[in-house]
All heavy atoms as atom14 arrays in JSON, in Angstrom:
{
  "sequence": "QGLMKSYGKVRALRGVDLEVQRGEIFGYLGPNGAGKTTTIRCLLDL",
  "atom14_mask": [
    [1, 1, 1, 1, 1, 1, 1, 1, 1, 0, 0, 0, 0, 0],
    [1, 1, 1, 1, 0, 0, 0, 0, 0, 0, 0, 0, 0, 0],
    [1, 1, 1, 1, 1, 1, 1, 1, 0, 0, 0, 0, 0, 0],
    [1, 1, 1, 1, 1, 1, 1, 1, 0, 0, 0, 0, 0, 0],
    [1, 1, 1, 1, 1, 1, 1, 1, 1, 0, 0, 0, 0, 0],
    [1, 1, 1, 1, 1, 1, 0, 0, 0, 0, 0, 0, 0, 0],
    [1, 1, 1, 1, 1, 1, 1, 1, 1, 1, 1, 1, 0, 0],
    [1, 1, 1, 1, 0, 0, 0, 0, 0, 0, 0, 0, 0, 0],
    [1, 1, 1, 1, 1, 1, 1, 1, 1, 0, 0, 0, 0, 0],
    [1, 1, 1, 1, 1, 1, 1, 0, 0, 0, 0, 0, 0, 0],
    [1, 1, 1, 1, 1, 1, 1, 1, 1, 1, 1, 0, 0, 0],
    [1, 1, 1, 1, 1, 0, 0, 0, 0, 0, 0, 0, 0, 0],
    [1, 1, 1, 1, 1, 1, 1, 1, 0, 0, 0, 0, 0, 0],
    [1, 1, 1, 1, 1, 1, 1, 1, 1, 1, 1, 0, 0, 0],
    [1, 1, 1, 1, 0, 0, 0, 0, 0, 0, 0, 0, 0, 0],
    [1, 1, 1, 1, 1, 1, 1, 0, 0, 0, 0, 0, 0, 0],
    [1, 1, 1, 1, 1, 1, 1, 1, 0, 0, 0, 0, 0, 0],
    [1, 1, 1, 1, 1, 1, 1, 1, 0, 0, 0, 0, 0, 0],
    [1, 1, 1, 1, 1, 1, 1, 1, 1, 0, 0, 0, 0, 0],
    [1, 1, 1, 1, 1, 1, 1, 0, 0, 0, 0, 0, 0, 0],
    [1, 1, 1, 1, 1, 1, 1, 1, 1, 0, 0, 0, 0, 0],
    [1, 1, 1, 1, 1, 1, 1, 1, 1, 1, 1, 0, 0, 0],
    [1, 1, 1, 1, 0, 0, 0, 0, 0, 0, 0, 0, 0, 0],
    [1, 1, 1, 1, 1, 1, 1, 1, 1, 0, 0, 0, 0, 0],
    [1, 1, 1, 1, 1, 1, 1, 1, 0, 0, 0, 0, 0, 0],
    [1, 1, 1, 1, 1, 1, 1, 1, 1, 1, 1, 0, 0, 0],
    [1, 1, 1, 1, 0, 0, 0, 0, 0, 0, 0, 0, 0, 0],
    [1, 1, 1, 1, 1, 1, 1, 1, 1, 1, 1, 1, 0, 0],
    [1, 1, 1, 1, 1, 1, 1, 1, 0, 0, 0, 0, 0, 0],
    [1, 1, 1, 1, 0, 0, 0, 0, 0, 0, 0, 0, 0, 0],
    [1, 1, 1, 1, 1, 1, 1, 0, 0, 0, 0, 0, 0, 0],
    [1, 1, 1, 1, 1, 1, 1, 1, 0, 0, 0, 0, 0, 0],
    [1, 1, 1, 1, 0, 0, 0, 0, 0, 0, 0, 0, 0, 0],
    [1, 1, 1, 1, 1, 0, 0, 0, 0, 0, 0, 0, 0, 0],
    [1, 1, 1, 1, 0, 0, 0, 0, 0, 0, 0, 0, 0, 0],
    [1, 1, 1, 1, 1, 1, 1, 1, 1, 0, 0, 0, 0, 0],
    [1, 1, 1, 1, 1, 1, 1, 0, 0, 0, 0, 0, 0, 0],
    [1, 1, 1, 1, 1, 1, 1, 0, 0, 0, 0, 0, 0, 0],
    [1, 1, 1, 1, 1, 1, 1, 0, 0, 0, 0, 0, 0, 0],
    [1, 1, 1, 1, 1, 1, 1, 1, 0, 0, 0, 0, 0, 0],
    [1, 1, 1, 1, 1, 1, 1, 1, 1, 1, 1, 0, 0, 0],
    [1, 1, 1, 1, 1, 1, 0, 0, 0, 0, 0, 0, 0, 0],
    [1, 1, 1, 1, 1, 1, 1, 1, 0, 0, 0, 0, 0, 0],
    [1, 1, 1, 1, 1, 1, 1, 1, 0, 0, 0, 0, 0, 0],
    [1, 1, 1, 1, 1, 1, 1, 1, 0, 0, 0, 0, 0, 0],
    [1, 1, 1, 1, 1, 1, 1, 1, 0, 0, 0, 0, 0, 0]
  ],
  "atom14_positions": [
    [[117.08, 96.45, 110.12], [118.34, 97.1, 109.74], [119.32, 96.03, 109.3], [119.61, 95.11, 110.05], [118.92, 97.9, 110.91], [118.11, 99.13, 111.29], [118.72, 99.89, 112.45], [119.53, 99.37, 113.2], [118.32, 101.15, 112.6], [0.0, 0.0, 0.0], [0.0, 0.0, 0.0], [0.0, 0.0, 0.0], [0.0, 0.0, 0.0], [0.0, 0.0, 0.0]],
    [[119.78, 96.16, 108.06], [120.79, 95.22, 107.55], [120.34, 93.78, 107.55], [121.16, 92.87, 107.74], [0.0, 0.0, 0.0], [0.0, 0.0, 0.0], [0.0, 0.0, 0.0], [0.0, 0.0, 0.0], [0.0, 0.0, 0.0], [0.0, 0.0, 0.0], [0.0, 0.0, 0.0], [0.0, 0.0, 0.0], [0.0, 0.0, 0.0], [0.0, 0.0, 0.0]],
    [[119.05, 93.55, 107.29], [118.5, 92.18, 107.36], [119.05, 91.34, 106.22], [118.93, 91.69, 105.04], [116.98, 92.24, 107.29], [116.22, 90.93, 107.53], [116.47, 90.42, 108.93], [114.72, 91.14, 107.3], [0.0, 0.0, 0.0], [0.0, 0.0, 0.0], [0.0, 0.0, 0.0], [0.0, 0.0, 0.0], [0.0, 0.0, 0.0], [0.0, 0.0, 0.0]],
    [[119.64, 90.19, 106.57], [120.25, 89.31, 105.58], [119.78, 87.87, 105.79], [119.64, 87.41, 106.92], [121.77, 89.38, 105.66], [122.37, 90.73, 105.28], [124.18, 90.73, 105.27], [124.52, 90.62, 107.03], [0.0, 0.0, 0.0], [0.0, 0.0, 0.0], [0.0, 0.0, 0.0], [0.0, 0.0, 0.0], [0.0, 0.0, 0.0], [0.0, 0.0, 0.0]],
    [[119.55, 87.19, 104.68], [119.18, 85.78, 104.74], [119.58, 85.1, 103.46], [119.31, 85.59, 102.36], [117.66, 85.64, 104.95], [117.16, 84.2, 104.95], [117.74, 83.4, 106.11], [117.25, 81.95, 106.09], [117.85, 81.15, 107.19], [0.0, 0.0, 0.0], [0.0, 0.0, 0.0], [0.0, 0.0, 0.0], [0.0, 0.0, 0.0], [0.0, 0.0, 0.0]],
    [[120.25, 83.96, 103.59], [120.65, 83.15, 102.44], [120.09, 81.75, 102.58], [119.92, 81.23, 103.69], [122.18, 83.08, 102.33], [122.74, 84.35, 102.08], [0.0, 0.0, 0.0], [0.0, 0.0, 0.0], [0.0, 0.0, 0.0], [0.0, 0.0, 0.0], [0.0, 0.0, 0.0], [0.0, 0.0, 0.0], [0.0, 0.0, 0.0], [0.0, 0.0, 0.0]],
    [[119.78, 81.15, 101.44], [119.42, 79.74, 101.36], [120.53, 79.06, 100.57], [120.52, 79.06, 99.34], [118.07, 79.56, 100.67], [116.93, 80.29, 101.34], [116.43, 81.48, 100.81], [116.34, 79.79, 102.5], [115.37, 82.15, 101.41], [115.28, 80.45, 103.12], [114.8, 81.63, 102.57], [113.76, 82.29, 103.17], [0.0, 0.0, 0.0], [0.0, 0.0, 0.0]],
    [[121.48, 78.5, 101.3], [122.65, 77.95, 100.6], [123.41, 79.07, 99.91], [123.8, 80.07, 100.54], [0.0, 0.0, 0.0], [0.0, 0.0, 0.0], [0.0, 0.0, 0.0], [0.0, 0.0, 0.0], [0.0, 0.0, 0.0], [0.0, 0.0, 0.0], [0.0, 0.0, 0.0], [0.0, 0.0, 0.0], [0.0, 0.0, 0.0], [0.0, 0.0, 0.0]],
    [[123.59, 78.95, 98.61], [124.31, 79.96, 97.85], [123.43, 81.11, 97.37], [123.92, 82.09, 96.82], [125.01, 79.31, 96.64], [126.09, 78.31, 97.01], [126.74, 77.72, 95.76], [127.85, 76.72, 96.14], [128.49, 76.14, 94.93], [0.0, 0.0, 0.0], [0.0, 0.0, 0.0], [0.0, 0.0, 0.0], [0.0, 0.0, 0.0], [0.0, 0.0, 0.0]],
    [[122.11, 80.96, 97.58], [121.17, 82.0, 97.13], [121.0, 83.04, 98.22], [120.55, 82.73, 99.33], [119.8, 81.38, 96.79], [118.82, 82.47, 96.37], [119.95, 80.34, 95.69], [0.0, 0.0, 0.0], [0.0, 0.0, 0.0], [0.0, 0.0, 0.0], [0.0, 0.0, 0.0], [0.0, 0.0, 0.0], [0.0, 0.0, 0.0], [0.0, 0.0, 0.0]],
    [[121.34, 84.28, 97.91], [121.2, 85.38, 98.88], [119.83, 86.02, 98.69], [119.63, 86.84, 97.8], [122.33, 86.39, 98.67], [123.71, 85.82, 98.9], [124.78, 86.86, 98.63], [124.71, 87.96, 99.59], [125.35, 89.12, 99.43], [126.06, 89.34, 98.33], [125.25, 90.07, 100.35], [0.0, 0.0, 0.0], [0.0, 0.0, 0.0], [0.0, 0.0, 0.0]],
    [[118.88, 85.62, 99.53], [117.51, 86.1, 99.39], [117.37, 87.55, 99.84], [116.67, 88.34, 99.23], [116.56, 85.21, 100.18], [0.0, 0.0, 0.0], [0.0, 0.0, 0.0], [0.0, 0.0, 0.0], [0.0, 0.0, 0.0], [0.0, 0.0, 0.0], [0.0, 0.0, 0.0], [0.0, 0.0, 0.0], [0.0, 0.0, 0.0], [0.0, 0.0, 0.0]],
    [[118.03, 87.9, 100.96], [118.03, 89.27, 101.47], [119.48, 89.71, 101.64], [120.28, 89.0, 102.25], [117.3, 89.35, 102.81], [115.83, 88.91, 102.82], [115.26, 88.99, 104.24], [114.99, 89.73, 101.86], [0.0, 0.0, 0.0], [0.0, 0.0, 0.0], [0.0, 0.0, 0.0], [0.0, 0.0, 0.0], [0.0, 0.0, 0.0], [0.0, 0.0, 0.0]],
    [[119.78, 90.91, 101.16], [121.17, 91.37, 101.17], [121.31, 92.72, 101.88], [121.96, 93.64, 101.37], [121.68, 91.47, 99.73], [121.68, 90.12, 99.01], [122.32, 90.21, 97.65], [121.49, 90.93, 96.71], [121.96, 91.62, 95.66], [123.26, 91.7, 95.46], [121.13, 92.24, 94.84], [0.0, 0.0, 0.0], [0.0, 0.0, 0.0], [0.0, 0.0, 0.0]],
    [[120.7, 92.81, 103.06], [120.81, 94.03, 103.83], [119.59, 94.92, 103.69], [119.7, 96.06, 103.23], [0.0, 0.0, 0.0], [0.0, 0.0, 0.0], [0.0, 0.0, 0.0], [0.0, 0.0, 0.0], [0.0, 0.0, 0.0], [0.0, 0.0, 0.0], [0.0, 0.0, 0.0], [0.0, 0.0, 0.0], [0.0, 0.0, 0.0], [0.0, 0.0, 0.0]],
    [[118.42, 94.42, 104.12], [117.17, 95.15, 103.95], [116.94, 96.08, 105.14], [116.95, 95.65, 106.3], [115.98, 94.16, 103.82], [114.66, 94.89, 103.91], [116.1, 93.39, 102.52], [0.0, 0.0, 0.0], [0.0, 0.0, 0.0], [0.0, 0.0, 0.0], [0.0, 0.0, 0.0], [0.0, 0.0, 0.0], [0.0, 0.0, 0.0], [0.0, 0.0, 0.0]],
    [[116.71, 97.35, 104.85], [116.38, 98.36, 105.86], [114.95, 98.84, 105.64], [114.63, 99.36, 104.57], [117.33, 99.57, 105.77], [118.78, 99.2, 106.06], [119.01, 98.28, 106.87], [119.68, 99.83, 105.48], [0.0, 0.0, 0.0], [0.0, 0.0, 0.0], [0.0, 0.0, 0.0], [0.0, 0.0, 0.0], [0.0, 0.0, 0.0], [0.0, 0.0, 0.0]],
    [[114.11, 98.64, 106.65], [112.71, 99.04, 106.57], [112.29, 99.76, 107.85], [112.79, 99.43, 108.93], [111.8, 97.82, 106.4], [111.67, 97.16, 105.04], [110.89, 95.86, 105.18], [111.0, 98.07, 104.04], [0.0, 0.0, 0.0], [0.0, 0.0, 0.0], [0.0, 0.0, 0.0], [0.0, 0.0, 0.0], [0.0, 0.0, 0.0], [0.0, 0.0, 0.0]],
    [[111.38, 100.7, 107.72], [110.77, 101.3, 108.9], [109.32, 101.64, 108.56], [109.06, 102.42, 107.64], [111.51, 102.56, 109.34], [110.99, 103.11, 110.66], [111.87, 104.22, 111.23], [112.99, 103.91, 111.7], [111.45, 105.39, 111.17], [0.0, 0.0, 0.0], [0.0, 0.0, 0.0], [0.0, 0.0, 0.0], [0.0, 0.0, 0.0], [0.0, 0.0, 0.0]],
    [[108.41, 101.01, 109.27], [106.97, 101.19, 109.04], [106.36, 101.81, 110.28], [106.54, 101.32, 111.4], [106.29, 99.83, 108.75], [104.8, 100.02, 108.52], [106.94, 99.16, 107.53], [0.0, 0.0, 0.0], [0.0, 0.0, 0.0], [0.0, 0.0, 0.0], [0.0, 0.0, 0.0], [0.0, 0.0, 0.0], [0.0, 0.0, 0.0], [0.0, 0.0, 0.0]],
    [[105.64, 102.92, 110.09], [105.03, 103.63, 111.2], [103.74, 102.95, 111.63], [103.04, 102.33, 110.84], [104.74, 105.08, 110.79], [105.96, 105.84, 110.31], [107.05, 105.94, 111.36], [106.77, 106.3, 112.51], [108.28, 105.61, 110.99], [0.0, 0.0, 0.0], [0.0, 0.0, 0.0], [0.0, 0.0, 0.0], [0.0, 0.0, 0.0], [0.0, 0.0, 0.0]],
    [[103.42, 103.09, 112.9], [102.16, 102.55, 113.4], [100.98, 103.26, 112.71], [101.0, 104.47, 112.5], [102.05, 102.73, 114.91], [102.96, 101.79, 115.71], [102.78, 102.01, 117.19], [103.72, 101.22, 117.98], [103.41, 100.07, 118.6], [102.19, 99.59, 118.48], [104.32, 99.41, 119.29], [0.0, 0.0, 0.0], [0.0, 0.0, 0.0], [0.0, 0.0, 0.0]],
    [[99.99, 102.5, 112.36], [98.78, 103.06, 111.8], [98.84, 103.38, 110.32], [97.96, 104.07, 109.81], [0.0, 0.0, 0.0], [0.0, 0.0, 0.0], [0.0, 0.0, 0.0], [0.0, 0.0, 0.0], [0.0, 0.0, 0.0], [0.0, 0.0, 0.0], [0.0, 0.0, 0.0], [0.0, 0.0, 0.0], [0.0, 0.0, 0.0], [0.0, 0.0, 0.0]],
    [[99.85, 102.89, 109.61], [99.9, 103.16, 108.17], [99.74, 101.86, 107.39], [99.92, 100.76, 107.91], [101.18, 103.88, 107.77], [102.44, 103.05, 107.74], [103.64, 103.82, 107.17], [103.44, 104.71, 106.32], [104.77, 103.53, 107.58], [0.0, 0.0, 0.0], [0.0, 0.0, 0.0], [0.0, 0.0, 0.0], [0.0, 0.0, 0.0], [0.0, 0.0, 0.0]],
    [[99.36, 102.01, 106.13], [99.3, 100.88, 105.2], [100.55, 100.97, 104.34], [100.72, 101.94, 103.57], [98.03, 100.92, 104.34], [96.78, 100.88, 105.21], [98.02, 99.74, 103.37], [95.47, 100.93, 104.43], [0.0, 0.0, 0.0], [0.0, 0.0, 0.0], [0.0, 0.0, 0.0], [0.0, 0.0, 0.0], [0.0, 0.0, 0.0], [0.0, 0.0, 0.0]],
    [[101.4, 99.98, 104.46], [102.71, 100.01, 103.82], [102.79, 98.88, 102.8], [102.56, 97.71, 103.13], [103.81, 99.84, 104.86], [105.19, 100.14, 104.38], [105.77, 101.39, 104.58], [105.94, 99.17, 103.72], [107.05, 101.67, 104.14], [107.22, 99.44, 103.27], [107.78, 100.7, 103.48], [0.0, 0.0, 0.0], [0.0, 0.0, 0.0], [0.0, 0.0, 0.0]],
    [[103.07, 99.22, 101.55], [103.18, 98.24, 100.49], [104.62, 97.81, 100.27], [105.54, 98.64, 100.27], [0.0, 0.0, 0.0], [0.0, 0.0, 0.0], [0.0, 0.0, 0.0], [0.0, 0.0, 0.0], [0.0, 0.0, 0.0], [0.0, 0.0, 0.0], [0.0, 0.0, 0.0], [0.0, 0.0, 0.0], [0.0, 0.0, 0.0], [0.0, 0.0, 0.0]],
    [[104.8, 96.52, 100.08], [106.13, 95.94, 99.85], [106.09, 95.32, 98.47], [105.55, 94.24, 98.26], [106.39, 94.89, 100.93], [107.83, 94.5, 101.14], [108.86, 95.42, 101.04], [108.14, 93.19, 101.49], [110.17, 95.05, 101.27], [109.45, 92.81, 101.74], [110.46, 93.73, 101.63], [111.77, 93.35, 101.86], [0.0, 0.0, 0.0], [0.0, 0.0, 0.0]],
    [[106.63, 96.04, 97.5], [106.44, 95.72, 96.09], [107.7, 95.07, 95.52], [108.81, 95.55, 95.73], [106.14, 97.01, 95.32], [105.95, 96.92, 93.81], [104.72, 96.12, 93.46], [105.85, 98.33, 93.22], [0.0, 0.0, 0.0], [0.0, 0.0, 0.0], [0.0, 0.0, 0.0], [0.0, 0.0, 0.0], [0.0, 0.0, 0.0], [0.0, 0.0, 0.0]],
    [[107.5, 94.01, 94.76], [108.63, 93.38, 94.09], [108.18, 92.17, 93.3], [107.13, 91.59, 93.58], [0.0, 0.0, 0.0], [0.0, 0.0, 0.0], [0.0, 0.0, 0.0], [0.0, 0.0, 0.0], [0.0, 0.0, 0.0], [0.0, 0.0, 0.0], [0.0, 0.0, 0.0], [0.0, 0.0, 0.0], [0.0, 0.0, 0.0], [0.0, 0.0, 0.0]],
    [[108.98, 91.77, 92.31], [108.63, 90.59, 91.53], [108.77, 89.32, 92.36], [109.34, 89.33, 93.45], [109.64, 90.62, 90.38], [110.81, 91.37, 90.92], [110.24, 92.39, 91.88], [0.0, 0.0, 0.0], [0.0, 0.0, 0.0], [0.0, 0.0, 0.0], [0.0, 0.0, 0.0], [0.0, 0.0, 0.0], [0.0, 0.0, 0.0], [0.0, 0.0, 0.0]],
    [[108.23, 88.23, 91.85], [108.38, 86.95, 92.54], [109.85, 86.61, 92.69], [110.63, 86.75, 91.76], [107.66, 85.84, 91.76], [106.15, 86.04, 91.74], [105.58, 86.56, 92.68], [105.51, 85.64, 90.65], [0.0, 0.0, 0.0], [0.0, 0.0, 0.0], [0.0, 0.0, 0.0], [0.0, 0.0, 0.0], [0.0, 0.0, 0.0], [0.0, 0.0, 0.0]],
    [[110.21, 86.17, 93.89], [111.6, 85.81, 94.15], [112.46, 86.97, 94.6], [113.67, 86.8, 94.8], [0.0, 0.0, 0.0], [0.0, 0.0, 0.0], [0.0, 0.0, 0.0], [0.0, 0.0, 0.0], [0.0, 0.0, 0.0], [0.0, 0.0, 0.0], [0.0, 0.0, 0.0], [0.0, 0.0, 0.0], [0.0, 0.0, 0.0], [0.0, 0.0, 0.0]],
    [[111.86, 88.14, 94.82], [112.65, 89.32, 95.19], [113.06, 89.32, 96.66], [114.0, 90.01, 97.05], [111.87, 90.59, 94.88], [0.0, 0.0, 0.0], [0.0, 0.0, 0.0], [0.0, 0.0, 0.0], [0.0, 0.0, 0.0], [0.0, 0.0, 0.0], [0.0, 0.0, 0.0], [0.0, 0.0, 0.0], [0.0, 0.0, 0.0], [0.0, 0.0, 0.0]],
    [[112.34, 88.56, 97.51], [112.64, 88.52, 98.94], [111.5, 88.98, 99.84], [111.67, 89.11, 101.05], [0.0, 0.0, 0.0], [0.0, 0.0, 0.0], [0.0, 0.0, 0.0], [0.0, 0.0, 0.0], [0.0, 0.0, 0.0], [0.0, 0.0, 0.0], [0.0, 0.0, 0.0], [0.0, 0.0, 0.0], [0.0, 0.0, 0.0], [0.0, 0.0, 0.0]],
    [[110.32, 89.17, 99.26], [109.19, 89.68, 100.05], [108.77, 88.67, 101.13], [108.62, 89.02, 102.3], [108.0, 89.98, 99.13], [108.3, 90.96, 98.01], [107.06, 91.36, 97.24], [106.34, 90.2, 96.57], [107.17, 89.56, 95.51], [0.0, 0.0, 0.0], [0.0, 0.0, 0.0], [0.0, 0.0, 0.0], [0.0, 0.0, 0.0], [0.0, 0.0, 0.0]],
    [[108.55, 87.42, 100.73], [108.1, 86.4, 101.67], [109.16, 86.13, 102.74], [108.84, 85.98, 103.92], [107.77, 85.1, 100.92], [106.66, 85.34, 100.05], [107.42, 83.98, 101.89], [0.0, 0.0, 0.0], [0.0, 0.0, 0.0], [0.0, 0.0, 0.0], [0.0, 0.0, 0.0], [0.0, 0.0, 0.0], [0.0, 0.0, 0.0], [0.0, 0.0, 0.0]],
    [[110.42, 86.1, 102.34], [111.5, 85.88, 103.3], [111.51, 86.98, 104.36], [111.69, 86.71, 105.56], [112.85, 85.82, 102.58], [112.86, 84.7, 101.69], [114.0, 85.68, 103.56], [0.0, 0.0, 0.0], [0.0, 0.0, 0.0], [0.0, 0.0, 0.0], [0.0, 0.0, 0.0], [0.0, 0.0, 0.0], [0.0, 0.0, 0.0], [0.0, 0.0, 0.0]],
    [[111.31, 88.22, 103.95], [111.27, 89.33, 104.91], [110.16, 89.11, 105.93], [110.38, 89.24, 107.14], [111.04, 90.66, 104.17], [112.08, 90.87, 103.22], [111.01, 91.82, 105.16], [0.0, 0.0, 0.0], [0.0, 0.0, 0.0], [0.0, 0.0, 0.0], [0.0, 0.0, 0.0], [0.0, 0.0, 0.0], [0.0, 0.0, 0.0], [0.0, 0.0, 0.0]],
    [[108.96, 88.8, 105.46], [107.82, 88.62, 106.37], [108.06, 87.46, 107.33], [107.76, 87.54, 108.52], [106.52, 88.43, 105.56], [106.15, 89.72, 104.83], [105.37, 87.99, 106.47], [104.97, 89.61, 103.89], [0.0, 0.0, 0.0], [0.0, 0.0, 0.0], [0.0, 0.0, 0.0], [0.0, 0.0, 0.0], [0.0, 0.0, 0.0], [0.0, 0.0, 0.0]],
    [[108.64, 86.39, 106.84], [108.91, 85.24, 107.72], [109.95, 85.58, 108.78], [109.86, 85.09, 109.92], [109.36, 84.05, 106.88], [108.22, 83.44, 106.06], [108.7, 82.31, 105.16], [107.58, 81.69, 104.46], [107.71, 80.79, 103.5], [108.93, 80.42, 103.1], [106.64, 80.27, 102.92], [0.0, 0.0, 0.0], [0.0, 0.0, 0.0], [0.0, 0.0, 0.0]],
    [[110.9, 86.43, 108.43], [111.88, 86.87, 109.43], [111.22, 87.74, 110.49], [111.58, 87.68, 111.67], [113.02, 87.64, 108.76], [114.18, 86.62, 107.82], [0.0, 0.0, 0.0], [0.0, 0.0, 0.0], [0.0, 0.0, 0.0], [0.0, 0.0, 0.0], [0.0, 0.0, 0.0], [0.0, 0.0, 0.0], [0.0, 0.0, 0.0], [0.0, 0.0, 0.0]],
    [[110.26, 88.57, 110.08], [109.56, 89.44, 111.03], [108.82, 88.62, 112.09], [108.67, 89.06, 113.23], [108.56, 90.33, 110.29], [109.15, 91.41, 109.38], [108.04, 92.08, 108.57], [109.92, 92.45, 110.17], [0.0, 0.0, 0.0], [0.0, 0.0, 0.0], [0.0, 0.0, 0.0], [0.0, 0.0, 0.0], [0.0, 0.0, 0.0], [0.0, 0.0, 0.0]],
    [[108.35, 87.44, 111.72], [107.59, 86.58, 112.64], [108.44, 85.49, 113.28], [107.93, 84.65, 114.01], [106.42, 85.95, 111.89], [105.29, 86.91, 111.52], [104.35, 86.27, 110.49], [104.51, 87.33, 112.75], [0.0, 0.0, 0.0], [0.0, 0.0, 0.0], [0.0, 0.0, 0.0], [0.0, 0.0, 0.0], [0.0, 0.0, 0.0], [0.0, 0.0, 0.0]],
    [[109.73, 85.49, 112.98], [110.65, 84.46, 113.47], [110.24, 83.06, 113.01], [110.47, 82.07, 113.69], [110.76, 84.48, 115.01], [111.97, 83.69, 115.5], [113.07, 83.86, 114.94], [111.81, 82.89, 116.46], [0.0, 0.0, 0.0], [0.0, 0.0, 0.0], [0.0, 0.0, 0.0], [0.0, 0.0, 0.0], [0.0, 0.0, 0.0], [0.0, 0.0, 0.0]],
    [[109.63, 82.99, 111.84], [109.35, 81.68, 111.24], [110.61, 81.12, 110.61], [110.74, 79.91, 110.45], [108.23, 81.82, 110.2], [106.88, 82.29, 110.75], [105.9, 82.53, 109.62], [106.33, 81.27, 111.74], [0.0, 0.0, 0.0], [0.0, 0.0, 0.0], [0.0, 0.0, 0.0], [0.0, 0.0, 0.0], [0.0, 0.0, 0.0], [0.0, 0.0, 0.0]]
  ]
}
């Protein structure tokens, strides 16, 4: 909810809201640089 992450002046995530149900296959679609990798790293506390 409201996930935000910046790298200096670059705002990689600007308030991402996601909800994934147990037992489903959920696709996270976007062009390179959209914030997909940053989201996953935040989920794992990397």
